[in-house]
Amino acid sequence: MGNKKSPYKKEPISIAPGYTDEDWKNLDDLDNENSSDWCEAIKILDARIRDRYLDPVDELIELDKRRVNKKVPRFGFTILAIDCLLIETLQAFIDGETNTRNKEPRMFIDFLTGRPSFKKHFKDKKLACRFYKDVRCGILHQAETRSGWLVRSNGPLLNPKNIERRIINRTEFHKALKSEFESYLTELRDTNNAKLRQNFRKKMDCVVEVSQYKGKCK
């Protein structure tokens, strides 16, 4: 009774293909910016994001390409739903946010107007905010886009010429997001980006429930 230990051994939790929470916790030299542990830490993030977000969308796009009738593209909402989840995830790693509740609008606007592959399309915060409300929230909450936004598989990433009928190319959007993920990994490999690394570590510690963040995560 009382403080008696459980007879059941806690099983390792998968956090990425080939990695468990114990693999992350065993990276005990991350305070050293030149440690080989940093290479392993970045590999874990890379495997996690590709397996859970990027690879599934790539497979949907390839599946759509193999259809006989290609006049009407498929999976647009599903692709954007996954990519919008990834945007919030990446910005949380960039900012070191362990809980994004009530911060999603700001995070989306920061990502779309700040990352090079997107800011040339989302040149002002108002347009980024409209995407967040009409596409991200529309799809994730009501399985629909709002205010005349359309999803296509051709053309530019964003066609904003007609303010009443903006068009998102889900394929180009995904390509841009993949590019930004690659750029983020490159930034993490740079030992001069101490703050970015600190934020990444803070978020990942929360993901695997390292003690100081337990109960405070998203």
N, C-alpha and C. Protein backbone atom coordinates (compact mmCIF):
# COMPACT_ATOMS: atom_id res chain seq x y z
N MET A 1 0.85 -1.20 0.00
CA MET A 1 0.00 0.00 0.00
C MET A 1 0.88 1.24 0.00
N GLY A 2 0.24 2.41 0.03
CA GLY A 2 0.99 3.66 0.13
C GLY A 2 1.87 3.90 -1.07
N ASN A 3 3.19 3.91 -0.85
CA ASN A 3 4.16 4.22 -1.90
C ASN A 3 4.67 2.98 -2.64
N LYS A 4 3.93 1.88 -2.53
CA LYS A 4 4.35 0.66 -3.20
C LYS A 4 4.45 0.88 -4.70
N LYS A 5 5.55 0.46 -5.30
CA LYS A 5 5.77 0.66 -6.73
C LYS A 5 4.88 -0.26 -7.55
N SER A 6 4.49 0.23 -8.72
CA SER A 6 3.67 -0.58 -9.62
C SER A 6 4.48 -1.76 -10.13
N PRO A 7 3.87 -2.95 -10.21
CA PRO A 7 4.58 -4.13 -10.72
C PRO A 7 4.77 -4.09 -12.23
N TYR A 8 4.10 -3.13 -12.88
CA TYR A 8 4.15 -3.05 -14.33
C TYR A 8 5.25 -2.11 -14.78
N LYS A 9 6.07 -2.58 -15.67
CA LYS A 9 7.16 -1.78 -16.20
C LYS A 9 6.64 -0.86 -17.29
N LYS A 10 7.00 0.40 -17.22
CA LYS A 10 6.58 1.35 -18.24
C LYS A 10 7.26 1.05 -19.56
N GLU A 11 6.43 0.90 -20.59
CA GLU A 11 6.97 0.61 -21.92
C GLU A 11 7.44 1.89 -22.58
N PRO A 12 8.55 1.82 -23.34
CA PRO A 12 9.00 3.00 -24.09
C PRO A 12 7.92 3.46 -25.07
N ILE A 13 7.84 4.75 -25.27
CA ILE A 13 6.85 5.34 -26.16
C ILE A 13 7.53 5.77 -27.45
N SER A 14 6.97 5.35 -28.58
CA SER A 14 7.53 5.74 -29.88
C SER A 14 7.31 7.23 -30.11
N ILE A 15 8.37 7.95 -30.44
CA ILE A 15 8.25 9.38 -30.76
C ILE A 15 8.61 9.65 -32.22
N ALA A 16 9.15 8.63 -32.89
CA ALA A 16 9.50 8.71 -34.31
C ALA A 16 9.90 7.31 -34.75
N PRO A 17 9.87 7.02 -36.05
CA PRO A 17 10.29 5.69 -36.50
C PRO A 17 11.71 5.37 -36.03
N GLY A 18 11.85 4.30 -35.28
CA GLY A 18 13.16 3.89 -34.80
C GLY A 18 13.62 4.57 -33.53
N TYR A 19 12.77 5.43 -32.96
CA TYR A 19 13.16 6.17 -31.75
C TYR A 19 12.03 6.12 -30.71
N THR A 20 12.42 6.02 -29.45
CA THR A 20 11.46 6.11 -28.35
C THR A 20 11.80 7.31 -27.47
N ASP A 21 10.93 7.55 -26.50
CA ASP A 21 11.19 8.64 -25.56
C ASP A 21 12.50 8.43 -24.81
N GLU A 22 12.87 7.17 -24.60
CA GLU A 22 14.12 6.90 -23.90
C GLU A 22 15.33 7.33 -24.73
N ASP A 23 15.23 7.23 -26.04
CA ASP A 23 16.34 7.68 -26.90
C ASP A 23 16.57 9.17 -26.73
N TRP A 24 15.47 9.93 -26.65
CA TRP A 24 15.63 11.36 -26.44
C TRP A 24 16.21 11.66 -25.06
N LYS A 25 15.68 11.01 -24.04
CA LYS A 25 16.14 11.26 -22.68
C LYS A 25 17.61 10.88 -22.49
N ASN A 26 18.10 9.97 -23.32
CA ASN A 26 19.49 9.55 -23.22
C ASN A 26 20.46 10.52 -23.90
N LEU A 27 19.94 11.55 -24.54
CA LEU A 27 20.81 12.58 -25.12
C LEU A 27 21.20 13.54 -24.00
N ASP A 28 22.27 13.21 -23.30
CA ASP A 28 22.61 13.95 -22.08
C ASP A 28 23.71 14.99 -22.28
N ASP A 29 24.07 15.28 -23.56
CA ASP A 29 25.14 16.25 -23.79
C ASP A 29 24.68 17.40 -24.68
N LEU A 30 23.39 17.72 -24.61
CA LEU A 30 22.86 18.79 -25.46
C LEU A 30 23.26 20.18 -24.97
N ASP A 31 23.80 20.26 -23.77
CA ASP A 31 24.32 21.55 -23.31
C ASP A 31 25.60 21.93 -24.05
N ASN A 32 26.22 20.95 -24.66
CA ASN A 32 27.42 21.18 -25.47
C ASN A 32 27.00 21.36 -26.92
N GLU A 33 27.15 22.58 -27.43
CA GLU A 33 26.65 22.90 -28.77
C GLU A 33 27.32 22.09 -29.87
N ASN A 34 28.51 21.57 -29.60
CA ASN A 34 29.24 20.80 -30.61
C ASN A 34 29.12 19.29 -30.41
N SER A 35 28.28 18.88 -29.49
CA SER A 35 28.13 17.46 -29.20
C SER A 35 27.45 16.73 -30.36
N SER A 36 27.87 15.47 -30.54
CA SER A 36 27.23 14.62 -31.56
C SER A 36 25.78 14.33 -31.20
N ASP A 37 25.41 14.56 -29.94
CA ASP A 37 24.02 14.37 -29.53
C ASP A 37 23.08 15.29 -30.31
N TRP A 38 23.59 16.45 -30.74
CA TRP A 38 22.75 17.37 -31.51
C TRP A 38 22.39 16.78 -32.87
N CYS A 39 23.32 16.08 -33.47
CA CYS A 39 23.02 15.41 -34.75
C CYS A 39 21.90 14.40 -34.56
N GLU A 40 21.96 13.66 -33.47
CA GLU A 40 20.94 12.65 -33.20
C GLU A 40 19.60 13.31 -32.87
N ALA A 41 19.63 14.39 -32.13
CA ALA A 41 18.40 15.10 -31.78
C ALA A 41 17.68 15.59 -33.03
N ILE A 42 18.43 16.13 -33.97
CA ILE A 42 17.84 16.64 -35.20
C ILE A 42 17.33 15.50 -36.07
N LYS A 43 18.03 14.36 -36.04
CA LYS A 43 17.55 13.18 -36.77
C LYS A 43 16.21 12.71 -36.23
N ILE A 44 16.04 12.78 -34.91
CA ILE A 44 14.77 12.38 -34.30
C ILE A 44 13.64 13.27 -34.78
N LEU A 45 13.86 14.58 -34.77
CA LEU A 45 12.84 15.51 -35.25
C LEU A 45 12.54 15.26 -36.72
N ASP A 46 13.57 15.08 -37.51
CA ASP A 46 13.40 14.84 -38.95
C ASP A 46 12.52 13.61 -39.18
N ALA A 47 12.85 12.52 -38.51
CA ALA A 47 12.08 11.28 -38.68
C ALA A 47 10.64 11.45 -38.21
N ARG A 48 10.46 12.18 -37.11
CA ARG A 48 9.11 12.38 -36.56
C ARG A 48 8.22 13.17 -37.52
N ILE A 49 8.73 14.26 -38.03
CA ILE A 49 7.94 15.13 -38.89
C ILE A 49 7.66 14.47 -40.23
N ARG A 50 8.64 13.82 -40.80
CA ARG A 50 8.43 13.17 -42.10
C ARG A 50 7.40 12.04 -41.99
N ASP A 51 7.53 11.23 -40.96
CA ASP A 51 6.64 10.08 -40.82
C ASP A 51 5.21 10.49 -40.52
N ARG A 52 5.02 11.53 -39.73
CA ARG A 52 3.68 11.88 -39.27
C ARG A 52 2.97 12.93 -40.13
N TYR A 53 3.74 13.69 -40.89
CA TYR A 53 3.14 14.78 -41.65
C TYR A 53 3.51 14.74 -43.14
N LEU A 54 4.79 14.85 -43.44
CA LEU A 54 5.22 15.06 -44.83
C LEU A 54 4.99 13.83 -45.70
N ASP A 55 5.40 12.67 -45.24
CA ASP A 55 5.25 11.46 -46.06
C ASP A 55 3.79 11.12 -46.37
N PRO A 56 2.87 11.21 -45.41
CA PRO A 56 1.47 10.93 -45.74
C PRO A 56 0.93 11.86 -46.82
N VAL A 57 1.29 13.15 -46.76
CA VAL A 57 0.80 14.08 -47.78
C VAL A 57 1.44 13.76 -49.13
N ASP A 58 2.73 13.45 -49.14
CA ASP A 58 3.39 13.07 -50.40
C ASP A 58 2.68 11.88 -51.03
N GLU A 59 2.29 10.91 -50.21
CA GLU A 59 1.61 9.73 -50.74
C GLU A 59 0.23 10.08 -51.29
N LEU A 60 -0.48 10.98 -50.65
CA LEU A 60 -1.78 11.40 -51.17
C LEU A 60 -1.63 12.11 -52.52
N ILE A 61 -0.64 12.95 -52.63
CA ILE A 61 -0.42 13.67 -53.90
C ILE A 61 -0.06 12.69 -55.01
N GLU A 62 0.80 11.72 -54.70
CA GLU A 62 1.18 10.72 -55.71
C GLU A 62 -0.02 9.84 -56.08
N LEU A 63 -0.83 9.49 -55.11
CA LEU A 63 -2.03 8.70 -55.38
C LEU A 63 -2.96 9.45 -56.31
N ASP A 64 -3.11 10.74 -56.10
CA ASP A 64 -3.97 11.55 -56.94
C ASP A 64 -3.44 11.61 -58.37
N LYS A 65 -2.12 11.65 -58.52
CA LYS A 65 -1.51 11.71 -59.85
C LYS A 65 -1.78 10.44 -60.66
N ARG A 66 -1.95 9.32 -59.98
CA ARG A 66 -2.13 8.04 -60.67
C ARG A 66 -3.57 7.76 -61.08
N ARG A 67 -4.49 8.64 -60.72
CA ARG A 67 -5.89 8.44 -61.10
C ARG A 67 -6.08 8.60 -62.60
N VAL A 68 -7.03 7.87 -63.14
CA VAL A 68 -7.34 7.97 -64.57
C VAL A 68 -8.01 9.30 -64.87
N ASN A 69 -9.01 9.65 -64.08
CA ASN A 69 -9.72 10.91 -64.26
C ASN A 69 -9.07 11.98 -63.39
N LYS A 70 -8.30 12.85 -64.00
CA LYS A 70 -7.57 13.86 -63.25
C LYS A 70 -8.19 15.25 -63.36
N LYS A 71 -9.39 15.33 -63.91
CA LYS A 71 -10.01 16.64 -64.09
C LYS A 71 -10.34 17.30 -62.75
N VAL A 72 -10.77 16.49 -61.82
CA VAL A 72 -11.12 17.03 -60.50
C VAL A 72 -10.13 16.48 -59.48
N PRO A 73 -9.22 17.30 -58.94
CA PRO A 73 -8.23 16.82 -57.98
C PRO A 73 -8.89 16.38 -56.67
N ARG A 74 -8.24 15.46 -56.00
CA ARG A 74 -8.77 14.95 -54.74
C ARG A 74 -7.81 15.28 -53.60
N PHE A 75 -8.32 15.09 -52.39
CA PHE A 75 -7.53 15.16 -51.15
C PHE A 75 -7.09 16.58 -50.78
N GLY A 76 -7.62 17.60 -51.42
CA GLY A 76 -7.18 18.96 -51.13
C GLY A 76 -7.37 19.36 -49.68
N PHE A 77 -8.56 19.09 -49.14
CA PHE A 77 -8.83 19.46 -47.75
C PHE A 77 -7.97 18.64 -46.78
N THR A 78 -7.80 17.35 -47.07
CA THR A 78 -6.99 16.49 -46.22
C THR A 78 -5.54 16.96 -46.20
N ILE A 79 -5.02 17.29 -47.38
CA ILE A 79 -3.65 17.76 -47.49
C ILE A 79 -3.45 19.04 -46.71
N LEU A 80 -4.35 19.99 -46.88
CA LEU A 80 -4.21 21.26 -46.18
C LEU A 80 -4.43 21.09 -44.68
N ALA A 81 -5.30 20.18 -44.29
CA ALA A 81 -5.50 19.94 -42.85
C ALA A 81 -4.20 19.46 -42.20
N ILE A 82 -3.54 18.50 -42.85
CA ILE A 82 -2.28 17.99 -42.31
C ILE A 82 -1.21 19.07 -42.32
N ASP A 83 -1.14 19.82 -43.42
CA ASP A 83 -0.12 20.86 -43.52
C ASP A 83 -0.35 21.98 -42.51
N CYS A 84 -1.60 22.29 -42.23
CA CYS A 84 -1.88 23.32 -41.23
C CYS A 84 -1.48 22.84 -39.83
N LEU A 85 -1.69 21.57 -39.55
CA LEU A 85 -1.22 21.02 -38.28
C LEU A 85 0.30 21.13 -38.19
N LEU A 86 0.97 20.88 -39.32
CA LEU A 86 2.43 20.95 -39.32
C LEU A 86 2.92 22.38 -39.13
N ILE A 87 2.24 23.35 -39.72
CA ILE A 87 2.64 24.75 -39.54
C ILE A 87 2.64 25.11 -38.05
N GLU A 88 1.57 24.74 -37.37
CA GLU A 88 1.49 25.04 -35.94
C GLU A 88 2.57 24.30 -35.17
N THR A 89 2.84 23.05 -35.57
CA THR A 89 3.88 22.26 -34.91
C THR A 89 5.26 22.88 -35.10
N LEU A 90 5.58 23.25 -36.35
CA LEU A 90 6.90 23.83 -36.62
C LEU A 90 7.08 25.16 -35.91
N GLN A 91 6.04 25.99 -35.91
CA GLN A 91 6.17 27.28 -35.24
C GLN A 91 6.32 27.09 -33.74
N ALA A 92 5.71 26.04 -33.19
CA ALA A 92 5.87 25.75 -31.77
C ALA A 92 7.32 25.37 -31.46
N PHE A 93 7.95 24.60 -32.35
CA PHE A 93 9.36 24.26 -32.16
C PHE A 93 10.23 25.51 -32.31
N ILE A 94 9.92 26.33 -33.30
CA ILE A 94 10.70 27.55 -33.53
C ILE A 94 10.63 28.48 -32.33
N ASP A 95 9.43 28.62 -31.76
CA ASP A 95 9.22 29.54 -30.64
C ASP A 95 9.49 28.91 -29.28
N GLY A 96 9.60 27.58 -29.23
CA GLY A 96 9.73 26.92 -27.95
C GLY A 96 8.45 26.93 -27.16
N GLU A 97 7.31 26.88 -27.85
CA GLU A 97 6.00 26.89 -27.19
C GLU A 97 5.62 25.49 -26.76
N THR A 98 5.37 25.30 -25.48
CA THR A 98 4.96 24.00 -24.98
C THR A 98 3.44 23.87 -24.92
N ASN A 99 2.74 24.97 -25.08
CA ASN A 99 1.27 24.96 -25.11
C ASN A 99 0.83 26.08 -26.04
N THR A 100 0.19 25.73 -27.15
CA THR A 100 -0.17 26.73 -28.17
C THR A 100 -1.61 27.21 -28.05
N ARG A 101 -2.30 26.82 -27.02
CA ARG A 101 -3.70 27.22 -26.87
C ARG A 101 -3.82 28.74 -26.84
N ASN A 102 -4.75 29.25 -27.65
CA ASN A 102 -5.02 30.68 -27.79
C ASN A 102 -3.89 31.45 -28.46
N LYS A 103 -2.89 30.74 -28.98
CA LYS A 103 -1.77 31.39 -29.66
C LYS A 103 -1.74 31.06 -31.15
N GLU A 104 -2.68 30.23 -31.61
CA GLU A 104 -2.65 29.73 -32.97
C GLU A 104 -2.69 30.85 -34.03
N PRO A 105 -3.56 31.87 -33.89
CA PRO A 105 -3.60 32.91 -34.92
C PRO A 105 -2.25 33.61 -35.07
N ARG A 106 -1.64 33.98 -33.97
CA ARG A 106 -0.35 34.66 -34.03
C ARG A 106 0.71 33.77 -34.63
N MET A 107 0.68 32.49 -34.29
CA MET A 107 1.69 31.57 -34.79
C MET A 107 1.57 31.38 -36.30
N PHE A 108 0.34 31.24 -36.79
CA PHE A 108 0.13 31.10 -38.23
C PHE A 108 0.57 32.35 -38.97
N ILE A 109 0.21 33.51 -38.46
CA ILE A 109 0.59 34.77 -39.11
C ILE A 109 2.10 34.91 -39.12
N ASP A 110 2.76 34.59 -38.02
CA ASP A 110 4.22 34.67 -37.96
C ASP A 110 4.86 33.75 -38.99
N PHE A 111 4.33 32.54 -39.11
CA PHE A 111 4.91 31.57 -40.04
C PHE A 111 4.70 32.01 -41.49
N LEU A 112 3.48 32.36 -41.84
CA LEU A 112 3.17 32.69 -43.24
C LEU A 112 3.82 33.98 -43.70
N THR A 113 3.98 34.93 -42.79
CA THR A 113 4.57 36.22 -43.18
C THR A 113 6.06 36.29 -42.89
N GLY A 114 6.60 35.26 -42.21
CA GLY A 114 8.00 35.32 -41.83
C GLY A 114 8.91 34.33 -42.53
N ARG A 115 8.37 33.17 -42.93
CA ARG A 115 9.20 32.16 -43.57
C ARG A 115 9.32 32.46 -45.07
N PRO A 116 10.55 32.41 -45.63
CA PRO A 116 10.80 32.86 -47.02
C PRO A 116 9.91 32.24 -48.08
N SER A 117 9.59 30.96 -47.96
CA SER A 117 8.80 30.29 -49.01
C SER A 117 7.34 30.75 -49.02
N PHE A 118 6.91 31.38 -47.93
CA PHE A 118 5.52 31.81 -47.84
C PHE A 118 5.34 33.32 -47.86
N LYS A 119 6.29 34.06 -47.32
CA LYS A 119 6.07 35.50 -47.16
C LYS A 119 5.97 36.25 -48.48
N LYS A 120 6.50 35.68 -49.55
CA LYS A 120 6.36 36.32 -50.86
C LYS A 120 4.93 36.19 -51.39
N HIS A 121 4.17 35.25 -50.82
CA HIS A 121 2.76 35.08 -51.20
C HIS A 121 1.83 35.77 -50.19
N PHE A 122 2.18 35.66 -48.92
CA PHE A 122 1.39 36.29 -47.86
C PHE A 122 2.15 37.54 -47.42
N LYS A 123 1.96 38.61 -48.17
CA LYS A 123 2.78 39.80 -47.98
C LYS A 123 2.29 40.70 -46.85
N ASP A 124 1.13 40.43 -46.32
CA ASP A 124 0.66 41.24 -45.20
C ASP A 124 -0.08 40.36 -44.21
N LYS A 125 -0.16 40.83 -42.98
CA LYS A 125 -0.77 40.05 -41.90
C LYS A 125 -2.26 39.84 -42.12
N LYS A 126 -2.91 40.78 -42.80
CA LYS A 126 -4.35 40.66 -43.02
C LYS A 126 -4.66 39.43 -43.87
N LEU A 127 -3.89 39.22 -44.93
CA LEU A 127 -4.10 38.07 -45.81
C LEU A 127 -3.79 36.77 -45.07
N ALA A 128 -2.70 36.76 -44.29
CA ALA A 128 -2.36 35.57 -43.50
C ALA A 128 -3.45 35.25 -42.49
N CYS A 129 -4.04 36.28 -41.91
CA CYS A 129 -5.12 36.09 -40.95
C CYS A 129 -6.35 35.51 -41.63
N ARG A 130 -6.62 35.96 -42.86
CA ARG A 130 -7.76 35.43 -43.60
C ARG A 130 -7.55 33.95 -43.92
N PHE A 131 -6.31 33.59 -44.27
CA PHE A 131 -6.03 32.17 -44.51
C PHE A 131 -6.27 31.37 -43.23
N TYR A 132 -5.79 31.88 -42.11
CA TYR A 132 -5.97 31.17 -40.85
C TYR A 132 -7.45 30.95 -40.55
N LYS A 133 -8.26 31.98 -40.70
CA LYS A 133 -9.68 31.88 -40.34
C LYS A 133 -10.49 31.10 -41.38
N ASP A 134 -10.24 31.38 -42.66
CA ASP A 134 -11.11 30.83 -43.70
C ASP A 134 -10.67 29.46 -44.22
N VAL A 135 -9.38 29.16 -44.14
CA VAL A 135 -8.89 27.87 -44.63
C VAL A 135 -8.54 26.96 -43.46
N ARG A 136 -7.59 27.38 -42.64
CA ARG A 136 -7.18 26.52 -41.52
C ARG A 136 -8.35 26.19 -40.60
N CYS A 137 -9.00 27.21 -40.06
CA CYS A 137 -10.11 26.97 -39.12
C CYS A 137 -11.32 26.38 -39.83
N GLY A 138 -11.56 26.82 -41.05
CA GLY A 138 -12.69 26.29 -41.81
C GLY A 138 -12.58 24.80 -42.02
N ILE A 139 -11.40 24.34 -42.45
CA ILE A 139 -11.20 22.92 -42.72
C ILE A 139 -11.15 22.10 -41.43
N LEU A 140 -10.39 22.57 -40.44
CA LEU A 140 -10.21 21.78 -39.22
C LEU A 140 -11.46 21.73 -38.35
N HIS A 141 -12.29 22.77 -38.41
CA HIS A 141 -13.46 22.81 -37.54
C HIS A 141 -14.77 22.45 -38.23
N GLN A 142 -14.92 22.82 -39.51
CA GLN A 142 -16.17 22.53 -40.22
C GLN A 142 -15.98 21.74 -41.51
N ALA A 143 -14.75 21.30 -41.79
CA ALA A 143 -14.46 20.53 -43.01
C ALA A 143 -14.89 21.30 -44.26
N GLU A 144 -14.65 22.61 -44.26
CA GLU A 144 -14.97 23.44 -45.42
C GLU A 144 -14.12 24.70 -45.39
N THR A 145 -13.90 25.28 -46.58
CA THR A 145 -13.28 26.60 -46.62
C THR A 145 -14.37 27.65 -46.59
N ARG A 146 -14.01 28.86 -46.20
CA ARG A 146 -15.00 29.93 -46.06
C ARG A 146 -14.64 31.12 -46.95
N SER A 147 -15.61 32.00 -47.08
CA SER A 147 -15.40 33.30 -47.73
C SER A 147 -14.83 33.19 -49.15
N GLY A 148 -15.25 32.14 -49.87
CA GLY A 148 -14.89 32.03 -51.28
C GLY A 148 -13.55 31.42 -51.58
N TRP A 149 -12.81 30.95 -50.57
CA TRP A 149 -11.52 30.32 -50.82
C TRP A 149 -11.72 28.98 -51.51
N LEU A 150 -10.86 28.69 -52.52
CA LEU A 150 -10.92 27.43 -53.25
C LEU A 150 -9.58 26.71 -53.13
N VAL A 151 -9.63 25.39 -53.23
CA VAL A 151 -8.41 24.57 -53.19
C VAL A 151 -8.25 23.89 -54.55
N ARG A 152 -7.09 24.05 -55.16
CA ARG A 152 -6.81 23.47 -56.47
C ARG A 152 -5.47 22.74 -56.42
N SER A 153 -5.09 22.12 -57.54
CA SER A 153 -3.81 21.41 -57.61
C SER A 153 -2.94 21.96 -58.74
N ASN A 154 -3.28 23.13 -59.26
CA ASN A 154 -2.45 23.75 -60.30
C ASN A 154 -2.41 25.26 -60.08
N GLY A 155 -1.55 25.92 -60.85
CA GLY A 155 -1.41 27.36 -60.70
C GLY A 155 -0.42 27.72 -59.60
N PRO A 156 -0.32 29.00 -59.29
CA PRO A 156 0.61 29.46 -58.24
C PRO A 156 0.15 28.99 -56.87
N LEU A 157 1.04 29.08 -55.90
CA LEU A 157 0.69 28.69 -54.54
C LEU A 157 -0.55 29.43 -54.06
N LEU A 158 -0.60 30.72 -54.34
CA LEU A 158 -1.75 31.53 -53.95
C LEU A 158 -2.10 32.48 -55.08
N ASN A 159 -3.36 32.45 -55.47
CA ASN A 159 -3.85 33.40 -56.46
C ASN A 159 -4.82 34.34 -55.77
N PRO A 160 -4.32 35.52 -55.38
CA PRO A 160 -5.16 36.44 -54.61
C PRO A 160 -5.79 37.55 -55.44
N LYS A 161 -5.75 37.44 -56.78
CA LYS A 161 -6.19 38.55 -57.62
C LYS A 161 -7.65 38.92 -57.38
N ASN A 162 -8.50 37.91 -57.26
CA ASN A 162 -9.91 38.16 -57.00
C ASN A 162 -10.15 38.01 -55.50
N ILE A 163 -10.37 39.10 -54.83
CA ILE A 163 -10.48 39.07 -53.36
C ILE A 163 -11.65 38.21 -52.89
N GLU A 164 -12.65 38.00 -53.78
CA GLU A 164 -13.80 37.19 -53.39
C GLU A 164 -13.60 35.71 -53.73
N ARG A 165 -12.51 35.38 -54.41
CA ARG A 165 -12.32 34.00 -54.85
C ARG A 165 -10.83 33.65 -54.86
N ARG A 166 -10.22 33.62 -53.69
CA ARG A 166 -8.80 33.29 -53.61
C ARG A 166 -8.62 31.79 -53.78
N ILE A 167 -7.53 31.42 -54.44
CA ILE A 167 -7.26 30.02 -54.76
C ILE A 167 -5.92 29.59 -54.18
N ILE A 168 -5.94 28.48 -53.44
CA ILE A 168 -4.73 27.88 -52.89
C ILE A 168 -4.39 26.63 -53.69
N ASN A 169 -3.16 26.54 -54.17
CA ASN A 169 -2.68 25.32 -54.81
C ASN A 169 -2.10 24.43 -53.72
N ARG A 170 -2.80 23.37 -53.38
CA ARG A 170 -2.38 22.54 -52.25
C ARG A 170 -1.05 21.85 -52.50
N THR A 171 -0.73 21.58 -53.77
CA THR A 171 0.54 20.92 -54.08
C THR A 171 1.71 21.87 -53.86
N GLU A 172 1.58 23.11 -54.36
CA GLU A 172 2.64 24.11 -54.18
C GLU A 172 2.76 24.52 -52.72
N PHE A 173 1.64 24.56 -52.02
CA PHE A 173 1.65 24.89 -50.59
C PHE A 173 2.47 23.84 -49.84
N HIS A 174 2.25 22.57 -50.17
CA HIS A 174 2.98 21.49 -49.50
C HIS A 174 4.47 21.54 -49.85
N LYS A 175 4.79 21.82 -51.11
CA LYS A 175 6.19 21.94 -51.51
C LYS A 175 6.89 23.03 -50.71
N ALA A 176 6.22 24.16 -50.54
CA ALA A 176 6.79 25.27 -49.78
C ALA A 176 7.00 24.88 -48.33
N LEU A 177 6.06 24.13 -47.77
CA LEU A 177 6.18 23.72 -46.38
C LEU A 177 7.34 22.74 -46.21
N LYS A 178 7.51 21.83 -47.15
CA LYS A 178 8.66 20.91 -47.10
C LYS A 178 9.97 21.68 -47.16
N SER A 179 10.00 22.70 -48.01
CA SER A 179 11.20 23.52 -48.13
C SER A 179 11.51 24.23 -46.82
N GLU A 180 10.49 24.73 -46.14
CA GLU A 180 10.70 25.43 -44.87
C GLU A 180 11.15 24.46 -43.78
N PHE A 181 10.66 23.25 -43.83
CA PHE A 181 11.13 22.26 -42.85
C PHE A 181 12.61 21.96 -43.05
N GLU A 182 13.02 21.81 -44.31
CA GLU A 182 14.44 21.58 -44.61
C GLU A 182 15.29 22.76 -44.13
N SER A 183 14.77 23.97 -44.35
CA SER A 183 15.50 25.16 -43.90
C SER A 183 15.63 25.19 -42.39
N TYR A 184 14.56 24.80 -41.70
CA TYR A 184 14.59 24.78 -40.24
C TYR A 184 15.63 23.78 -39.73
N LEU A 185 15.70 22.60 -40.34
CA LEU A 185 16.71 21.62 -39.94
C LEU A 185 18.12 22.17 -40.16
N THR A 186 18.30 22.86 -41.27
CA THR A 186 19.61 23.47 -41.54
C THR A 186 19.95 24.51 -40.49
N GLU A 187 18.97 25.30 -40.08
CA GLU A 187 19.19 26.30 -39.04
C GLU A 187 19.56 25.64 -37.71
N LEU A 188 18.92 24.52 -37.41
CA LEU A 188 19.23 23.81 -36.16
C LEU A 188 20.65 23.23 -36.16
N ARG A 189 21.14 22.88 -37.33
CA ARG A 189 22.50 22.31 -37.41
C ARG A 189 23.58 23.37 -37.20
N ASP A 190 23.21 24.63 -37.31
CA ASP A 190 24.15 25.73 -37.12
C ASP A 190 24.34 25.99 -35.64
N THR A 191 25.54 25.77 -35.14
CA THR A 191 25.80 25.94 -33.71
C THR A 191 25.64 27.37 -33.24
N ASN A 192 25.59 28.32 -34.16
CA ASN A 192 25.41 29.72 -33.77
C ASN A 192 23.96 30.05 -33.40
N ASN A 193 23.03 29.17 -33.78
CA ASN A 193 21.61 29.43 -33.49
C ASN A 193 21.23 28.87 -32.12
N ALA A 194 21.85 29.42 -31.10
CA ALA A 194 21.67 28.90 -29.74
C ALA A 194 20.22 29.01 -29.27
N LYS A 195 19.59 30.15 -29.51
CA LYS A 195 18.21 30.34 -29.05
C LYS A 195 17.26 29.40 -29.78
N LEU A 196 17.44 29.23 -31.08
CA LEU A 196 16.59 28.32 -31.84
C LEU A 196 16.74 26.89 -31.31
N ARG A 197 17.96 26.50 -31.01
CA ARG A 197 18.20 25.17 -30.46
C ARG A 197 17.56 25.02 -29.07
N GLN A 198 17.68 26.06 -28.28
CA GLN A 198 17.09 26.03 -26.94
C GLN A 198 15.59 25.84 -27.02
N ASN A 199 14.95 26.56 -27.96
CA ASN A 199 13.50 26.45 -28.13
C ASN A 199 13.10 25.06 -28.61
N PHE A 200 13.86 24.53 -29.56
CA PHE A 200 13.60 23.17 -30.05
C PHE A 200 13.69 22.16 -28.91
N ARG A 201 14.74 22.28 -28.13
CA ARG A 201 14.95 21.35 -27.02
C ARG A 201 13.82 21.45 -26.00
N LYS A 202 13.40 22.66 -25.71
CA LYS A 202 12.31 22.88 -24.75
C LYS A 202 11.03 22.20 -25.23
N LYS A 203 10.71 22.39 -26.52
CA LYS A 203 9.50 21.78 -27.06
C LYS A 203 9.60 20.27 -27.08
N MET A 204 10.75 19.74 -27.48
CA MET A 204 10.90 18.30 -27.57
C MET A 204 10.90 17.67 -26.18
N ASP A 205 11.48 18.34 -25.21
CA ASP A 205 11.41 17.86 -23.83
C ASP A 205 9.95 17.72 -23.39
N CYS A 206 9.14 18.67 -23.82
CA CYS A 206 7.72 18.62 -23.47
C CYS A 206 7.02 17.45 -24.17
N VAL A 207 7.38 17.23 -25.43
CA VAL A 207 6.79 16.13 -26.19
C VAL A 207 7.02 14.79 -25.48
N VAL A 208 8.23 14.60 -24.97
CA VAL A 208 8.55 13.32 -24.32
C VAL A 208 8.33 13.37 -22.80
N GLU A 209 7.74 14.47 -22.34
CA GLU A 209 7.37 14.63 -20.94
C GLU A 209 8.56 14.54 -20.00
N VAL A 210 9.61 15.24 -20.36
CA VAL A 210 10.69 15.43 -19.40
C VAL A 210 10.13 16.17 -18.21
N SER A 211 10.55 15.81 -17.01
CA SER A 211 9.86 16.16 -15.77
C SER A 211 9.46 17.62 -15.63
N GLN A 212 10.32 18.57 -16.00
CA GLN A 212 10.01 19.97 -15.72
C GLN A 212 8.85 20.51 -16.58
N TYR A 213 8.50 19.78 -17.67
CA TYR A 213 7.41 20.23 -18.53
C TYR A 213 6.14 19.39 -18.40
N LYS A 214 6.23 18.32 -17.65
CA LYS A 214 5.08 17.41 -17.55
C LYS A 214 3.86 18.15 -16.99
N GLY A 215 2.76 18.00 -17.67
CA GLY A 215 1.53 18.67 -17.25
C GLY A 215 1.37 20.06 -17.82
N LYS A 216 2.39 20.57 -18.53
CA LYS A 216 2.31 21.91 -19.07
C LYS A 216 2.30 21.92 -20.60
N CYS A 217 2.23 20.74 -21.18
CA CYS A 217 2.32 20.63 -22.63
C CYS A 217 0.96 20.75 -23.29
N LYS A 218 1.03 20.90 -24.61
CA LYS A 218 -0.19 21.04 -25.40
C LYS A 218 -1.03 19.79 -25.26
